[in-house]
Amino acid sequence: MGLRTGLRTGLRWKLSAAIALVGALVALALSLVVHNAARVSMLDNSRDLADERLQVAQRMYESGRQQNQGAFGVQVDDPAVPKDLMAKVAQGRRATYVAEGAHGVPDIWAAVPLKDGRVLSLHTRFTDRSTDVMKDLDQALLIGSIAVVLGGCALGVLIGGRMSRRLRKAAAAANRVAKGETEVRVGGAIGGVARDETDDLARAVDAMADALQQRIEAERRVTADIAHELRTPVTGLLTAAELLPPGRPTELVRDRAQAMRTLVEDVLEVARLDGASERAELQDILLGEFVARRVAAKDADVTVRVLHESEVTTDPRRLERVLFNLLANAARHGRPPIEVTVEGRVIRVRDHGPGFPEDLLADGPRRFRTGSSDRAGQGHGLGLTIAAGQARVLGARLTFRNVRPAGAPQDAPAEGAVAILWLPEHAPTSTGSYPVVVLPARET
């Protein structure tokens, strides 16, 4: 199975980067357009000014006042006049021309044919003032572009942050629904006045959750009804088996009838747990003492160690059910020795078998888990499911993990399996539990 690698980025940063990129491209395009338009406008003004000065110099020259032509910077038959400009003048036209000068500074030329056949020309450069104006304009465009990019980033963070918060709330609500909190709805979790595509997604997820919940409830009722209807004939079958004469066939019938009765009772218990109608009858107990006595009565070969005694408020019957199911699972699918450790409010049940299957570690216990994936491949898979359900009624948390040598890779064979029951610090009275009943320090 390959690993997904890649950089995970939030929606707000993606949206911010997109807006900033678009803003930068727009600002660059507008800056180029404005720069070129300003440059062309200044060059046109310079050419118009050169043309006006050339016309004044032409009138003065043709009126016989040649001595003042130097005041305008004009020359007669200047050999440096560009060839393209001379071609226009040869056609008897007055013309202007822009040539690239040194260091990228444009040269402005203007020329006109005289009546005596000579060519009167004017040569000026792009003024320093115009160059300074272009530099100031470029600087203003740069500052404006940076401001546009920063503003786009801020706008992207603002808009993307709002969308990201709504999506995170929707994801958190969907995860709670996936964990079994049927009263949670995505639409109520995201809130907000403005309506967008996130609300459409929330409505779709809520509709799917409602449909799924209705289907699960229908299946639970059917399962409970079937199990309830089977209870009476199975009980009759078990009673009839007791009347059979002794022998190996009678033992097989009794064994199978008892197994069927246990399965029916387990299915009924799972159905009650799925209905979320179970309530804990709370009592104060010494956890280490309780576990030691219950385990000793169940199986004397199981080792119990109490590292730290603690008084807890819980339902002893349900706690015993969880503990016995974990022990039965360890005895059936693991290998001895089986060890039970009590430390404060934490109970650990460990065996030295092949470990839990990977799908159980990833998804938790599932009913009717059979086949080779269930360690030894035996059983109907309701034991751990009932243990997890009873733990939820107690407000406890039941986790599973495999034991491997220190530093061993994850694919190394396990040296055992550990089921860990974490009892809550406070009793789950908010679920409708009965009042706490204080028992004597020791039970008879």
Protein backbone atom coordinates (compact mmCIF):
# COMPACT_ATOMS: atom_id res chain seq x y z
CA MET A 1 0.00 0.00 0.00
CA GLY A 2 1.59 3.25 -1.09
CA LEU A 3 1.86 6.33 1.04
CA ARG A 4 0.31 9.58 -0.06
CA THR A 5 2.87 12.33 -0.04
CA GLY A 6 2.48 15.98 -0.83
CA LEU A 7 2.18 19.42 0.63
CA ARG A 8 -1.13 20.07 2.30
CA THR A 9 -2.26 23.69 2.08
CA GLY A 10 -5.40 25.36 3.33
CA LEU A 11 -8.14 26.78 1.16
CA ARG A 12 -7.47 30.32 2.35
CA TRP A 13 -3.85 30.19 1.18
CA LYS A 14 -4.76 28.66 -2.17
CA LEU A 15 -7.41 31.31 -2.73
CA SER A 16 -5.07 34.04 -1.55
CA ALA A 17 -2.31 32.85 -3.89
CA ALA A 18 -4.77 32.69 -6.80
CA ILE A 19 -6.07 36.22 -6.20
CA ALA A 20 -2.53 37.53 -5.70
CA LEU A 21 -1.37 35.88 -8.94
CA VAL A 22 -4.28 37.29 -10.92
CA GLY A 23 -3.75 40.71 -9.33
CA ALA A 24 -0.05 40.60 -10.17
CA LEU A 25 -0.76 39.70 -13.81
CA VAL A 26 -3.39 42.44 -14.13
CA ALA A 27 -1.11 45.00 -12.43
CA LEU A 28 1.79 44.02 -14.72
CA ALA A 29 -0.35 44.32 -17.83
CA LEU A 30 -1.76 47.69 -16.78
CA SER A 31 1.70 48.95 -15.83
CA LEU A 32 3.08 48.03 -19.24
CA VAL A 33 0.13 49.69 -20.98
CA VAL A 34 0.40 52.86 -18.89
CA HIS A 35 4.20 52.99 -19.27
CA ASN A 36 4.07 52.60 -23.04
CA ALA A 37 1.18 55.06 -23.39
CA ALA A 38 3.02 57.68 -21.32
CA ARG A 39 6.24 57.16 -23.28
CA VAL A 40 4.46 57.43 -26.61
CA SER A 41 2.63 60.56 -25.43
CA MET A 42 5.87 62.22 -24.32
CA LEU A 43 7.59 61.30 -27.56
CA ASP A 44 4.69 62.73 -29.55
CA ASN A 45 4.93 65.95 -27.56
CA SER A 46 8.69 66.11 -28.17
CA ARG A 47 8.17 65.54 -31.89
CA ASP A 48 5.49 68.24 -32.04
CA LEU A 49 7.78 70.66 -30.20
CA ALA A 50 10.67 69.86 -32.57
CA ASP A 51 8.39 70.34 -35.57
CA GLU A 52 7.20 73.75 -34.30
CA ARG A 53 10.79 74.90 -33.68
CA LEU A 54 11.80 73.69 -37.15
CA GLN A 55 8.96 75.64 -38.77
CA VAL A 56 9.99 78.83 -36.97
CA ALA A 57 13.62 78.27 -38.02
CA GLN A 58 12.51 77.63 -41.63
CA ARG A 59 10.60 80.90 -41.80
CA MET A 60 13.55 82.79 -40.36
CA TYR A 61 15.98 81.10 -42.77
CA GLU A 62 13.87 81.78 -45.83
CA SER A 63 13.33 85.40 -44.74
CA GLY A 64 17.10 85.95 -44.81
CA ARG A 65 17.82 85.94 -41.08
CA GLN A 66 20.20 82.96 -41.14
CA GLN A 67 22.32 84.42 -38.38
CA ASN A 68 19.70 83.50 -35.76
CA GLN A 69 19.29 79.91 -36.83
CA GLY A 70 21.79 78.68 -34.20
CA ALA A 71 19.44 79.86 -31.49
CA PHE A 72 17.05 77.04 -32.40
CA GLY A 73 19.73 74.34 -32.73
CA VAL A 74 19.05 73.75 -36.41
CA GLN A 75 21.59 72.85 -39.05
CA VAL A 76 21.67 72.90 -42.84
CA ASP A 77 22.60 69.74 -44.71
CA ASP A 78 23.57 67.87 -41.52
CA PRO A 79 25.19 64.57 -42.60
CA ALA A 80 23.99 62.83 -39.41
CA VAL A 81 20.31 63.00 -40.41
CA PRO A 82 18.90 59.41 -40.45
CA LYS A 83 18.38 57.88 -43.88
CA ASP A 84 14.73 57.14 -43.26
CA LEU A 85 14.11 60.80 -42.45
CA MET A 86 16.06 61.91 -45.52
CA ALA A 87 13.87 59.66 -47.68
CA LYS A 88 10.78 61.52 -46.46
CA VAL A 89 12.43 64.90 -47.04
CA ALA A 90 13.45 63.86 -50.58
CA GLN A 91 9.75 63.55 -51.30
CA GLY A 92 9.37 67.24 -50.44
CA ARG A 93 7.74 66.58 -47.03
CA ARG A 94 8.47 67.94 -43.58
CA ALA A 95 8.87 65.02 -41.18
CA THR A 96 9.97 64.00 -37.72
CA TYR A 97 11.79 60.84 -36.67
CA VAL A 98 12.64 59.06 -33.40
CA ALA A 99 15.89 57.12 -33.18
CA GLU A 100 17.34 55.13 -30.30
CA GLY A 101 20.22 57.04 -28.87
CA ALA A 102 22.91 56.16 -26.37
CA HIS A 103 21.86 54.42 -23.12
CA GLY A 104 18.35 53.91 -24.51
CA VAL A 105 17.52 57.64 -24.53
CA PRO A 106 15.52 58.52 -27.69
CA ASP A 107 16.85 61.05 -30.21
CA ILE A 108 14.25 63.39 -31.75
CA TRP A 109 14.88 64.48 -35.36
CA ALA A 110 12.93 66.94 -37.52
CA ALA A 111 13.80 67.97 -41.11
CA VAL A 112 12.29 70.04 -43.91
CA PRO A 113 13.39 70.77 -47.50
CA LEU A 114 14.24 74.42 -48.28
CA LYS A 115 13.50 76.38 -51.45
CA ASP A 116 17.17 76.45 -52.41
CA GLY A 117 17.34 72.61 -52.34
CA ARG A 118 19.07 72.32 -49.03
CA VAL A 119 17.74 70.43 -45.96
CA LEU A 120 17.13 72.17 -42.68
CA SER A 121 17.20 69.73 -39.69
CA LEU A 122 16.79 69.84 -35.93
CA HIS A 123 18.25 67.26 -33.49
CA THR A 124 17.20 67.09 -29.82
CA ARG A 125 17.28 64.44 -27.12
CA PHE A 126 14.60 63.19 -24.78
CA THR A 127 14.76 65.80 -22.03
CA ASP A 128 15.96 64.95 -18.53
CA ARG A 129 12.65 66.16 -17.20
CA SER A 130 10.80 63.66 -19.36
CA THR A 131 13.18 60.91 -18.19
CA ASP A 132 12.55 61.84 -14.56
CA VAL A 133 8.81 61.84 -15.15
CA MET A 134 9.03 58.33 -16.65
CA LYS A 135 11.09 57.12 -13.68
CA ASP A 136 8.56 58.57 -11.22
CA LEU A 137 5.75 56.99 -13.19
CA ASP A 138 7.47 53.59 -13.19
CA GLN A 139 8.05 53.85 -9.44
CA ALA A 140 4.40 54.73 -8.83
CA LEU A 141 3.30 51.80 -11.00
CA LEU A 142 5.57 49.42 -9.07
CA ILE A 143 4.24 50.61 -5.71
CA GLY A 144 0.68 50.32 -7.00
CA SER A 145 1.30 46.80 -8.27
CA ILE A 146 2.73 45.71 -4.92
CA ALA A 147 -0.27 47.26 -3.16
CA VAL A 148 -2.63 45.38 -5.49
CA VAL A 149 -0.85 42.06 -4.80
CA LEU A 150 -0.87 42.60 -1.02
CA GLY A 151 -4.50 43.67 -1.13
CA GLY A 152 -5.34 40.57 -3.15
CA CYS A 153 -3.55 38.38 -0.60
CA ALA A 154 -5.46 40.01 2.26
CA LEU A 155 -8.76 39.64 0.40
CA GLY A 156 -7.97 36.00 -0.36
CA VAL A 157 -7.13 35.27 3.27
CA LEU A 158 -10.35 36.98 4.40
CA ILE A 159 -12.64 35.21 1.93
CA GLY A 160 -10.79 31.90 2.06
CA GLY A 161 -10.64 32.01 5.86
CA ARG A 162 -14.42 32.26 6.08
CA MET A 163 -14.93 29.42 3.64
CA SER A 164 -12.23 27.35 5.33
CA ARG A 165 -13.84 27.79 8.76
CA ARG A 166 -17.21 26.69 7.42
CA LEU A 167 -15.69 23.67 5.72
CA ARG A 168 -13.73 22.72 8.85
CA LYS A 169 -16.92 22.93 10.90
CA ALA A 170 -18.71 20.81 8.31
CA ALA A 171 -15.89 18.23 8.35
CA ALA A 172 -15.89 18.10 12.16
CA ALA A 173 -19.67 17.62 12.23
CA ALA A 174 -19.47 14.91 9.56
CA ASN A 175 -16.79 13.11 11.59
CA ARG A 176 -19.03 13.22 14.65
CA VAL A 177 -21.87 11.76 12.61
CA ALA A 178 -19.51 9.04 11.37
CA LYS A 179 -18.64 8.20 15.00
CA GLY A 180 -22.29 7.59 15.79
CA GLU A 181 -23.54 10.94 17.14
CA THR A 182 -26.86 10.77 15.34
CA GLU A 183 -28.18 14.07 16.72
CA VAL A 184 -25.42 16.13 15.07
CA ARG A 185 -26.20 17.85 11.76
CA VAL A 186 -23.74 19.57 9.47
CA GLY A 187 -26.10 22.41 8.52
CA GLY A 188 -26.55 23.44 12.13
CA ALA A 189 -22.83 23.18 12.82
CA ILE A 190 -21.67 25.59 10.11
CA GLY A 191 -24.34 28.25 10.81
CA GLY A 192 -24.00 31.62 9.12
CA VAL A 193 -26.43 34.00 7.42
CA ALA A 194 -25.01 33.99 3.90
CA ARG A 195 -25.85 30.94 1.82
CA ASP A 196 -23.33 29.36 -0.54
CA GLU A 197 -22.24 25.98 -1.90
CA THR A 198 -21.15 24.91 1.59
CA ASP A 199 -24.79 24.93 2.67
CA ASP A 200 -25.70 22.76 -0.32
CA LEU A 201 -23.01 20.30 0.73
CA ALA A 202 -24.26 20.37 4.34
CA ARG A 203 -27.84 19.67 3.26
CA ALA A 204 -26.68 16.76 1.10
CA VAL A 205 -24.61 15.26 3.93
CA ASP A 206 -27.47 15.71 6.42
CA ALA A 207 -29.91 14.04 4.03
CA MET A 208 -27.48 11.16 3.58
CA ALA A 209 -27.03 10.86 7.36
CA ASP A 210 -30.79 10.84 7.90
CA ALA A 211 -31.32 8.16 5.26
CA LEU A 212 -28.46 6.08 6.66
CA GLN A 213 -29.78 6.43 10.20
CA GLN A 214 -33.26 5.33 9.11
CA ARG A 215 -31.80 2.31 7.35
CA ILE A 216 -29.66 1.37 10.35
CA GLU A 217 -32.63 1.74 12.67
CA ALA A 218 -34.76 -0.43 10.40
CA GLU A 219 -32.05 -3.09 10.26
CA ARG A 220 -31.64 -2.95 14.03
CA ARG A 221 -35.36 -3.46 14.57
CA VAL A 222 -35.43 -6.37 12.13
CA THR A 223 -32.42 -7.97 13.83
CA ALA A 224 -33.94 -7.51 17.29
CA ASP A 225 -37.29 -8.90 16.13
CA ILE A 226 -35.68 -11.95 14.54
CA ALA A 227 -33.54 -12.63 17.61
CA HIS A 228 -36.54 -12.17 19.90
CA GLU A 229 -38.63 -14.57 17.83
CA LEU A 230 -35.81 -17.13 17.87
CA ARG A 231 -35.41 -17.00 21.63
CA THR A 232 -38.53 -19.10 22.39
CA PRO A 233 -37.86 -21.97 19.93
CA VAL A 234 -34.17 -22.06 20.85
CA THR A 235 -35.07 -22.26 24.54
CA GLY A 236 -37.50 -25.08 23.75
CA LEU A 237 -34.81 -26.85 21.71
CA LEU A 238 -32.35 -26.59 24.61
CA THR A 239 -34.97 -27.95 27.04
CA ALA A 240 -35.77 -30.84 24.72
CA ALA A 241 -32.07 -31.65 24.40
CA GLU A 242 -31.88 -32.07 28.17
CA LEU A 243 -34.44 -34.91 27.90
CA LEU A 244 -32.41 -36.92 25.42
CA PRO A 245 -30.65 -40.05 26.69
CA PRO A 246 -26.96 -39.69 27.59
CA GLY A 247 -24.48 -40.15 24.80
CA ARG A 248 -22.21 -38.41 22.33
CA PRO A 249 -25.04 -37.33 19.98
CA THR A 250 -26.89 -35.80 22.93
CA GLU A 251 -23.79 -33.83 23.94
CA LEU A 252 -23.42 -32.47 20.40
CA VAL A 253 -27.06 -31.40 20.27
CA ARG A 254 -26.85 -29.71 23.67
CA ASP A 255 -23.62 -27.95 22.71
CA ARG A 256 -25.03 -26.59 19.45
CA ALA A 257 -28.31 -25.59 21.10
CA GLN A 258 -26.43 -23.74 23.82
CA ALA A 259 -24.25 -22.01 21.21
CA MET A 260 -27.36 -20.93 19.32
CA ARG A 261 -28.93 -19.61 22.51
CA THR A 262 -25.77 -17.64 23.33
CA LEU A 263 -25.76 -16.18 19.82
CA VAL A 264 -29.42 -15.12 20.08
CA GLU A 265 -28.78 -13.44 23.45
CA ASP A 266 -25.72 -11.66 22.05
CA VAL A 267 -27.67 -10.40 19.03
CA LEU A 268 -30.40 -9.05 21.32
CA GLU A 269 -27.79 -7.31 23.45
CA VAL A 270 -26.17 -5.74 20.41
CA ALA A 271 -29.57 -4.52 19.23
CA ARG A 272 -30.25 -2.91 22.61
CA LEU A 273 -26.83 -1.25 22.59
CA ASP A 274 -27.36 0.05 19.05
CA GLY A 275 -30.67 1.57 20.16
CA ALA A 276 -28.80 3.84 22.62
CA SER A 277 -31.46 3.12 25.23
CA GLU A 278 -29.18 1.42 27.74
CA ARG A 279 -28.38 3.29 30.97
CA ALA A 280 -25.73 2.52 33.55
CA GLU A 281 -26.68 1.75 37.16
CA LEU A 282 -23.78 3.43 38.93
CA GLN A 283 -22.04 2.29 42.10
CA ASP A 284 -18.79 3.16 43.85
CA ILE A 285 -16.27 0.30 43.72
CA LEU A 286 -12.58 -0.31 44.31
CA LEU A 287 -11.51 -1.13 40.78
CA GLY A 288 -8.45 -3.30 41.52
CA GLU A 289 -10.25 -5.40 44.12
CA PHE A 290 -13.31 -5.77 41.88
CA VAL A 291 -11.26 -6.94 38.89
CA ALA A 292 -9.12 -9.32 40.96
CA ARG A 293 -12.15 -11.08 42.47
CA ARG A 294 -14.10 -11.28 39.22
CA VAL A 295 -11.15 -12.64 37.25
CA ALA A 296 -10.27 -15.17 39.95
CA ALA A 297 -13.83 -16.48 39.89
CA LYS A 298 -13.82 -16.65 36.08
CA ASP A 299 -10.39 -18.18 35.41
CA ALA A 300 -7.80 -18.85 38.10
CA ASP A 301 -5.05 -19.19 35.46
CA VAL A 302 -5.26 -15.49 34.54
CA THR A 303 -2.68 -13.29 36.29
CA VAL A 304 -4.01 -10.04 37.84
CA ARG A 305 -1.72 -7.21 38.90
CA VAL A 306 -3.01 -4.10 40.65
CA LEU A 307 -0.37 -1.40 40.18
CA HIS A 308 -2.47 1.41 41.62
CA GLU A 309 -5.82 1.03 43.37
CA SER A 310 -8.54 3.53 42.57
CA GLU A 311 -12.16 4.07 43.56
CA VAL A 312 -14.40 4.55 40.54
CA THR A 313 -18.09 5.15 39.94
CA THR A 314 -19.40 2.74 37.33
CA ASP A 315 -21.88 -0.05 36.60
CA PRO A 316 -20.36 -3.28 38.00
CA ARG A 317 -22.53 -5.57 35.86
CA ARG A 318 -21.58 -3.88 32.62
CA LEU A 319 -17.93 -3.60 33.65
CA GLU A 320 -17.91 -7.32 34.38
CA ARG A 321 -19.46 -7.98 30.97
CA VAL A 322 -16.72 -5.99 29.24
CA LEU A 323 -13.98 -7.69 31.27
CA PHE A 324 -15.28 -11.22 30.66
CA ASN A 325 -15.70 -10.60 26.92
CA LEU A 326 -12.10 -9.38 26.67
CA LEU A 327 -10.89 -12.43 28.59
CA ALA A 328 -12.95 -14.77 26.42
CA ASN A 329 -11.54 -13.15 23.28
CA ALA A 330 -7.97 -13.48 24.59
CA ALA A 331 -8.54 -17.14 25.57
CA ARG A 332 -10.14 -18.03 22.22
CA HIS A 333 -7.88 -16.18 19.81
CA GLY A 334 -4.67 -15.60 21.76
CA ARG A 335 -2.24 -17.77 23.67
CA PRO A 336 -1.43 -17.96 27.38
CA PRO A 337 -0.31 -16.49 29.60
CA ILE A 338 -3.18 -13.99 29.84
CA GLU A 339 -2.46 -11.00 32.06
CA VAL A 340 -4.80 -8.36 33.51
CA THR A 341 -3.30 -5.13 34.82
CA VAL A 342 -5.16 -2.44 36.79
CA GLU A 343 -3.56 0.98 37.07
CA GLY A 344 -5.80 3.70 38.41
CA ARG A 345 -8.87 3.79 36.13
CA VAL A 346 -7.18 1.81 33.34
CA ILE A 347 -7.60 -1.94 32.80
CA ARG A 348 -5.33 -3.82 30.37
CA VAL A 349 -5.99 -7.35 29.16
CA ARG A 350 -3.04 -8.91 27.33
CA ASP A 351 -2.45 -12.25 25.70
CA HIS A 352 0.61 -13.63 23.90
CA GLY A 353 -1.04 -14.68 20.65
CA PRO A 354 -0.67 -13.47 17.05
CA GLY A 355 -2.25 -10.07 17.76
CA PHE A 356 -5.34 -8.31 16.47
CA PRO A 357 -5.96 -8.14 12.69
CA GLU A 358 -5.10 -4.86 11.02
CA ASP A 359 -8.69 -4.09 10.01
CA LEU A 360 -9.81 -4.36 13.64
CA LEU A 361 -7.03 -1.99 14.72
CA ALA A 362 -8.03 0.46 11.99
CA ASP A 363 -11.84 0.28 12.19
CA GLY A 364 -12.57 -1.19 15.60
CA PRO A 365 -14.60 -4.34 16.31
CA ARG A 366 -17.32 -5.27 13.85
CA ARG A 367 -20.05 -7.80 14.38
CA PHE A 368 -19.86 -11.19 12.69
CA ARG A 369 -16.16 -10.82 11.99
CA THR A 370 -15.21 -14.35 10.98
CA GLY A 371 -12.60 -16.05 8.86
CA SER A 372 -8.85 -15.89 8.89
CA SER A 373 -8.80 -12.13 9.49
CA ASP A 374 -10.13 -12.71 13.00
CA ARG A 375 -6.92 -14.13 14.43
CA ALA A 376 -7.80 -17.84 14.89
CA GLY A 377 -10.75 -17.59 12.50
CA GLN A 378 -13.34 -18.68 15.08
CA GLY A 379 -16.41 -17.11 16.68
CA HIS A 380 -19.19 -14.89 15.47
CA GLY A 381 -17.45 -11.61 16.28
CA LEU A 382 -20.00 -10.21 18.74
CA GLY A 383 -17.84 -10.42 21.86
CA LEU A 384 -15.68 -7.37 21.16
CA THR A 385 -18.67 -5.55 19.63
CA ILE A 386 -20.63 -6.02 22.87
CA ALA A 387 -17.58 -5.00 24.93
CA ALA A 388 -17.22 -1.77 22.92
CA GLY A 389 -20.96 -1.06 23.23
CA GLN A 390 -21.02 -1.61 26.99
CA ALA A 391 -17.93 0.59 27.31
CA ARG A 392 -19.81 3.40 25.57
CA VAL A 393 -22.69 3.04 28.05
CA LEU A 394 -20.15 3.38 30.88
CA GLY A 395 -18.66 6.47 29.22
CA ALA A 396 -15.40 4.52 28.88
CA ARG A 397 -13.03 4.16 25.93
CA LEU A 398 -11.91 0.76 24.65
CA THR A 399 -8.80 0.62 22.46
CA PHE A 400 -6.83 -2.22 20.88
CA ARG A 401 -3.17 -2.57 19.91
CA ASN A 402 -0.58 -5.21 19.18
CA VAL A 403 2.62 -5.75 21.14
CA ARG A 404 5.87 -5.81 19.15
CA PRO A 405 9.52 -5.83 20.24
CA ALA A 406 11.04 -2.40 20.83
CA GLY A 407 12.27 -0.90 17.57
CA ALA A 408 10.57 -3.57 15.43
CA PRO A 409 8.87 -2.40 12.19
CA GLN A 410 5.10 -2.30 11.93
CA ASP A 411 5.01 -5.35 9.66
CA ALA A 412 6.93 -7.48 12.17
CA PRO A 413 4.94 -10.36 13.75
CA ALA A 414 3.14 -9.36 16.94
CA GLU A 415 4.05 -10.87 20.28
CA GLY A 416 0.58 -10.43 21.70
CA ALA A 417 -2.53 -8.29 21.79
CA VAL A 418 -3.61 -5.73 24.39
CA ALA A 419 -7.14 -4.44 24.96
CA ILE A 420 -7.19 -1.27 27.09
CA LEU A 421 -10.30 -0.02 28.89
CA TRP A 422 -10.13 3.62 30.03
CA LEU A 423 -12.82 4.34 32.61
CA PRO A 424 -13.97 7.97 32.82
CA GLU A 425 -13.02 10.27 35.66
CA HIS A 426 -16.66 11.30 36.09
CA ALA A 427 -19.62 8.93 35.89
CA PRO A 428 -21.87 9.38 32.80
CA THR A 429 -24.86 10.81 34.72
CA SER A 430 -25.71 13.07 31.77
CA THR A 431 -26.83 9.99 29.82
CA GLY A 432 -29.71 9.29 32.20
CA SER A 433 -27.85 7.04 34.63
CA TYR A 434 -29.39 6.08 37.94
CA PRO A 435 -28.24 7.81 41.15
CA VAL A 436 -24.99 6.58 42.65
CA VAL A 437 -25.42 3.80 45.19
CA VAL A 438 -22.56 3.56 47.70
CA LEU A 439 -21.70 -0.06 48.48
CA PRO A 440 -19.74 -1.42 51.43
CA ALA A 441 -16.00 -1.68 51.01
CA ARG A 442 -16.23 -5.45 50.41
CA GLU A 443 -18.93 -7.49 48.82
CA THR A 444 -20.15 -10.73 50.33
